[in-house]
């Protein structure tokens, strides 16, 4: 199976979250749909796992990347839970009789949390980047660019 290596899952998660973050601010619900793999594409972890397998990481790299992932996992899960709660509250305000200022305030809270999540993801990505060789970095960039182009064609 393509997710048998810890590096695949680790980098796959990072890429998935990074892509999710890119879309999170643009369309409500899009980030969640992407993370759950809704639509005509396979689930994000599957696509990301395939991408990571193409980098052919060494066992040492796999171990280092797994350690970085574990370092950030709890923080990111907590942040995701807070974001889900604030999104739920925002949805309730939107469907109820809340004032515009109340809705804007809740939206601002959500945007701050999304920015914090993006920072966590970026920090983790920078640490993981240090583990990859220059060739792997270049290969990853090429694969991600190809994926972005393919996803645009699928829209």
C-alpha atoms as a PDB file:
ATOM      1  CA  UNK A   1       0.000   0.000   0.000  1.00  0.00           C
ATOM      2  CA  UNK A   2       1.248   3.507  -0.810  1.00  0.00           C
ATOM      3  CA  UNK A   3       0.915   4.846   2.778  1.00  0.00           C
ATOM      4  CA  UNK A   4       3.051   2.141   4.341  1.00  0.00           C
ATOM      5  CA  UNK A   5       5.950   4.510   4.935  1.00  0.00           C
ATOM      6  CA  UNK A   6       5.749   7.092   7.728  1.00  0.00           C
ATOM      7  CA  UNK A   7       7.206   9.709   5.388  1.00  0.00           C
ATOM      8  CA  UNK A   8       4.327   9.247   2.985  1.00  0.00           C
ATOM      9  CA  UNK A   9       1.785   9.854   5.686  1.00  0.00           C
ATOM     10  CA  UNK A  10       3.771  12.681   7.219  1.00  0.00           C
ATOM     11  CA  UNK A  11       4.453  14.668   4.094  1.00  0.00           C
ATOM     12  CA  UNK A  12       1.058  13.731   2.737  1.00  0.00           C
ATOM     13  CA  UNK A  13      -0.554  15.271   5.788  1.00  0.00           C
ATOM     14  CA  UNK A  14       1.505  18.427   5.421  1.00  0.00           C
ATOM     15  CA  UNK A  15       0.676  18.788   1.769  1.00  0.00           C
ATOM     16  CA  UNK A  16      -2.942  18.062   2.432  1.00  0.00           C
ATOM     17  CA  UNK A  17      -3.157  20.633   5.171  1.00  0.00           C
ATOM     18  CA  UNK A  18      -1.212  23.149   3.143  1.00  0.00           C
ATOM     19  CA  UNK A  19      -3.519  22.760   0.190  1.00  0.00           C
ATOM     20  CA  UNK A  20      -6.495  22.887   2.534  1.00  0.00           C
ATOM     21  CA  UNK A  21      -5.210  26.102   4.050  1.00  0.00           C
ATOM     22  CA  UNK A  22      -4.803  27.697   0.638  1.00  0.00           C
ATOM     23  CA  UNK A  23      -8.467  27.120  -0.108  1.00  0.00           C
ATOM     24  CA  UNK A  24      -9.864  27.578   3.398  1.00  0.00           C
ATOM     25  CA  UNK A  25     -10.160  31.335   3.214  1.00  0.00           C
ATOM     26  CA  UNK A  26     -11.625  31.438  -0.263  1.00  0.00           C
ATOM     27  CA  UNK A  27     -14.756  29.304  -0.073  1.00  0.00           C
ATOM     28  CA  UNK A  28     -16.504  28.115   3.090  1.00  0.00           C
ATOM     29  CA  UNK A  29     -16.621  24.347   3.198  1.00  0.00           C
ATOM     30  CA  UNK A  30     -14.112  23.886   0.377  1.00  0.00           C
ATOM     31  CA  UNK A  31     -11.261  23.126   2.754  1.00  0.00           C
ATOM     32  CA  UNK A  32     -13.256  20.460   4.523  1.00  0.00           C
ATOM     33  CA  UNK A  33     -14.341  18.910   1.237  1.00  0.00           C
ATOM     34  CA  UNK A  34     -10.744  18.806   0.044  1.00  0.00           C
ATOM     35  CA  UNK A  35      -9.515  17.277   3.280  1.00  0.00           C
ATOM     36  CA  UNK A  36     -12.167  14.579   3.099  1.00  0.00           C
ATOM     37  CA  UNK A  37     -11.465  13.884  -0.552  1.00  0.00           C
ATOM     38  CA  UNK A  38     -14.929  14.784  -1.786  1.00  0.00           C
ATOM     39  CA  UNK A  39     -15.456  15.182  -5.464  1.00  0.00           C
ATOM     40  CA  UNK A  40     -14.109  13.186  -8.364  1.00  0.00           C
ATOM     41  CA  UNK A  41     -10.619  12.693  -6.953  1.00  0.00           C
ATOM     42  CA  UNK A  42      -9.271  10.098  -4.522  1.00  0.00           C
ATOM     43  CA  UNK A  43      -8.930  11.126  -0.862  1.00  0.00           C
ATOM     44  CA  UNK A  44      -6.211  13.677  -0.175  1.00  0.00           C
ATOM     45  CA  UNK A  45      -4.093  11.332   1.935  1.00  0.00           C
ATOM     46  CA  UNK A  46      -4.087   8.870  -0.949  1.00  0.00           C
ATOM     47  CA  UNK A  47      -3.012  11.502  -3.477  1.00  0.00           C
ATOM     48  CA  UNK A  48      -0.403  12.927  -1.110  1.00  0.00           C
ATOM     49  CA  UNK A  49       0.897   9.472  -0.292  1.00  0.00           C
ATOM     50  CA  UNK A  50       1.430   8.760  -3.964  1.00  0.00           C
ATOM     51  CA  UNK A  51       3.253  12.067  -4.275  1.00  0.00           C
ATOM     52  CA  UNK A  52       5.550  11.296  -1.348  1.00  0.00           C
ATOM     53  CA  UNK A  53       6.390   7.812  -2.579  1.00  0.00           C
ATOM     54  CA  UNK A  54       7.812   9.419  -5.690  1.00  0.00           C
ATOM     55  CA  UNK A  55      10.509  11.078  -3.516  1.00  0.00           C
ATOM     56  CA  UNK A  56      11.926   7.703  -2.436  1.00  0.00           C
ATOM     57  CA  UNK A  57      12.952   8.778   1.112  1.00  0.00           C
ATOM     58  CA  UNK A  58      15.642   6.918   3.030  1.00  0.00           C
ATOM     59  CA  UNK A  59      14.744   5.136   6.277  1.00  0.00           C
ATOM     60  CA  UNK A  60      16.599   7.861   8.200  1.00  0.00           C
ATOM     61  CA  UNK A  61      14.563  10.563   6.459  1.00  0.00           C
ATOM     62  CA  UNK A  62      11.383   8.667   7.228  1.00  0.00           C
ATOM     63  CA  UNK A  63      12.280   8.559  10.916  1.00  0.00           C
ATOM     64  CA  UNK A  64      13.196  12.254  11.066  1.00  0.00           C
ATOM     65  CA  UNK A  65      10.044  13.309   9.283  1.00  0.00           C
ATOM     66  CA  UNK A  66       7.904  11.143  11.521  1.00  0.00           C
ATOM     67  CA  UNK A  67       9.444  12.869  14.555  1.00  0.00           C
ATOM     68  CA  UNK A  68       8.656  16.304  13.139  1.00  0.00           C
ATOM     69  CA  UNK A  69       5.104  15.233  12.381  1.00  0.00           C
ATOM     70  CA  UNK A  70       4.615  13.997  15.929  1.00  0.00           C
ATOM     71  CA  UNK A  71       5.989  17.267  17.275  1.00  0.00           C
ATOM     72  CA  UNK A  72       3.294  19.270  15.476  1.00  0.00           C
ATOM     73  CA  UNK A  73       0.413  16.803  15.395  1.00  0.00           C
ATOM     74  CA  UNK A  74      -1.145  17.691  18.746  1.00  0.00           C
ATOM     75  CA  UNK A  75      -0.941  21.424  18.160  1.00  0.00           C
ATOM     76  CA  UNK A  76      -2.517  21.104  14.752  1.00  0.00           C
ATOM     77  CA  UNK A  77      -5.307  18.820  15.933  1.00  0.00           C
ATOM     78  CA  UNK A  78      -6.166  21.275  18.691  1.00  0.00           C
ATOM     79  CA  UNK A  79      -6.144  24.141  16.202  1.00  0.00           C
ATOM     80  CA  UNK A  80      -8.398  22.198  13.823  1.00  0.00           C
ATOM     81  CA  UNK A  81     -10.867  21.510  16.625  1.00  0.00           C
ATOM     82  CA  UNK A  82     -11.001  25.201  17.507  1.00  0.00           C
ATOM     83  CA  UNK A  83     -11.527  26.095  13.863  1.00  0.00           C
ATOM     84  CA  UNK A  84     -14.382  23.594  13.528  1.00  0.00           C
ATOM     85  CA  UNK A  85     -16.050  25.012  16.648  1.00  0.00           C
ATOM     86  CA  UNK A  86     -15.753  28.615  15.486  1.00  0.00           C
ATOM     87  CA  UNK A  87     -17.001  27.639  12.001  1.00  0.00           C
ATOM     88  CA  UNK A  88     -20.007  25.945  13.587  1.00  0.00           C
ATOM     89  CA  UNK A  89     -20.709  29.056  15.662  1.00  0.00           C
ATOM     90  CA  UNK A  90     -20.351  31.235  12.567  1.00  0.00           C
ATOM     91  CA  UNK A  91     -22.795  29.054  10.659  1.00  0.00           C
ATOM     92  CA  UNK A  92     -25.287  29.329  13.520  1.00  0.00           C
ATOM     93  CA  UNK A  93     -24.925  33.112  13.573  1.00  0.00           C
ATOM     94  CA  UNK A  94     -25.405  33.280   9.802  1.00  0.00           C
ATOM     95  CA  UNK A  95     -28.597  31.232   9.925  1.00  0.00           C
ATOM     96  CA  UNK A  96     -29.973  33.068  12.962  1.00  0.00           C
ATOM     97  CA  UNK A  97     -30.768  36.656  13.790  1.00  0.00           C
ATOM     98  CA  UNK A  98     -27.272  37.800  14.740  1.00  0.00           C
ATOM     99  CA  UNK A  99     -26.171  41.296  13.862  1.00  0.00           C
ATOM    100  CA  UNK A 100     -23.661  41.948  11.127  1.00  0.00           C
ATOM    101  CA  UNK A 101     -21.077  43.015  13.709  1.00  0.00           C
ATOM    102  CA  UNK A 102     -21.482  39.739  15.639  1.00  0.00           C
ATOM    103  CA  UNK A 103     -21.035  37.755  12.441  1.00  0.00           C
ATOM    104  CA  UNK A 104     -17.990  39.788  11.433  1.00  0.00           C
ATOM    105  CA  UNK A 105     -16.439  39.320  14.867  1.00  0.00           C
ATOM    106  CA  UNK A 106     -16.874  35.536  14.657  1.00  0.00           C
ATOM    107  CA  UNK A 107     -15.483  35.550  11.130  1.00  0.00           C
ATOM    108  CA  UNK A 108     -12.458  37.508  12.336  1.00  0.00           C
ATOM    109  CA  UNK A 109     -11.885  34.895  15.057  1.00  0.00           C
ATOM    110  CA  UNK A 110     -11.970  32.182  12.413  1.00  0.00           C
ATOM    111  CA  UNK A 111      -9.522  34.045  10.192  1.00  0.00           C
ATOM    112  CA  UNK A 112      -7.065  34.440  13.092  1.00  0.00           C
ATOM    113  CA  UNK A 113      -7.246  30.700  13.785  1.00  0.00           C
ATOM    114  CA  UNK A 114      -6.729  29.899  10.106  1.00  0.00           C
ATOM    115  CA  UNK A 115      -3.715  32.179  10.007  1.00  0.00           C
ATOM    116  CA  UNK A 116      -2.293  30.484  13.103  1.00  0.00           C
ATOM    117  CA  UNK A 117      -2.885  27.073  11.506  1.00  0.00           C
ATOM    118  CA  UNK A 118      -1.140  28.227   8.366  1.00  0.00           C
ATOM    119  CA  UNK A 119       1.822  29.344  10.451  1.00  0.00           C
ATOM    120  CA  UNK A 120       2.004  25.970  12.199  1.00  0.00           C
ATOM    121  CA  UNK A 121       1.889  24.185   8.858  1.00  0.00           C
ATOM    122  CA  UNK A 122       4.545  26.453   7.428  1.00  0.00           C
ATOM    123  CA  UNK A 123       6.820  25.954  10.448  1.00  0.00           C
ATOM    124  CA  UNK A 124       6.426  22.194  10.168  1.00  0.00           C
ATOM    125  CA  UNK A 125       7.031  22.293   6.431  1.00  0.00           C
ATOM    126  CA  UNK A 126      10.250  24.266   6.939  1.00  0.00           C
ATOM    127  CA  UNK A 127      11.518  21.696   9.431  1.00  0.00           C
ATOM    128  CA  UNK A 128      10.635  18.851   7.080  1.00  0.00           C
ATOM    129  CA  UNK A 129      12.271  20.659   4.197  1.00  0.00           C
ATOM    130  CA  UNK A 130      15.573  20.501   6.072  1.00  0.00           C
ATOM    131  CA  UNK A 131      15.368  16.697   5.990  1.00  0.00           C
ATOM    132  CA  UNK A 132      14.929  16.481   2.225  1.00  0.00           C
ATOM    133  CA  UNK A 133      17.835  16.580  -0.170  1.00  0.00           C
ATOM    134  CA  UNK A 134      17.981  19.408  -2.728  1.00  0.00           C
ATOM    135  CA  UNK A 135      16.997  16.887  -5.403  1.00  0.00           C
ATOM    136  CA  UNK A 136      13.966  15.755  -3.378  1.00  0.00           C
ATOM    137  CA  UNK A 137      12.954  19.378  -2.775  1.00  0.00           C
ATOM    138  CA  UNK A 138      13.105  20.111  -6.460  1.00  0.00           C
ATOM    139  CA  UNK A 139      11.236  16.933  -7.307  1.00  0.00           C
ATOM    140  CA  UNK A 140       8.542  17.741  -4.719  1.00  0.00           C
ATOM    141  CA  UNK A 141       8.119  21.248  -6.120  1.00  0.00           C
ATOM    142  CA  UNK A 142       7.729  19.845  -9.632  1.00  0.00           C
ATOM    143  CA  UNK A 143       5.201  17.255  -8.501  1.00  0.00           C
ATOM    144  CA  UNK A 144       3.174  19.826  -6.574  1.00  0.00           C
ATOM    145  CA  UNK A 145       3.161  22.181  -9.558  1.00  0.00           C
ATOM    146  CA  UNK A 146       1.965  19.360 -11.769  1.00  0.00           C
ATOM    147  CA  UNK A 147      -0.765  18.518  -9.275  1.00  0.00           C
ATOM    148  CA  UNK A 148      -1.918  22.156  -9.110  1.00  0.00           C
ATOM    149  CA  UNK A 149      -2.143  22.297 -12.896  1.00  0.00           C
ATOM    150  CA  UNK A 150      -4.086  19.040 -13.002  1.00  0.00           C
ATOM    151  CA  UNK A 151      -6.497  20.197 -10.305  1.00  0.00           C
ATOM    152  CA  UNK A 152      -7.208  23.386 -12.226  1.00  0.00           C
ATOM    153  CA  UNK A 153      -8.115  21.354 -15.300  1.00  0.00           C
ATOM    154  CA  UNK A 154     -10.480  19.202 -13.223  1.00  0.00           C
ATOM    155  CA  UNK A 155     -12.564  22.169 -12.026  1.00  0.00           C
END
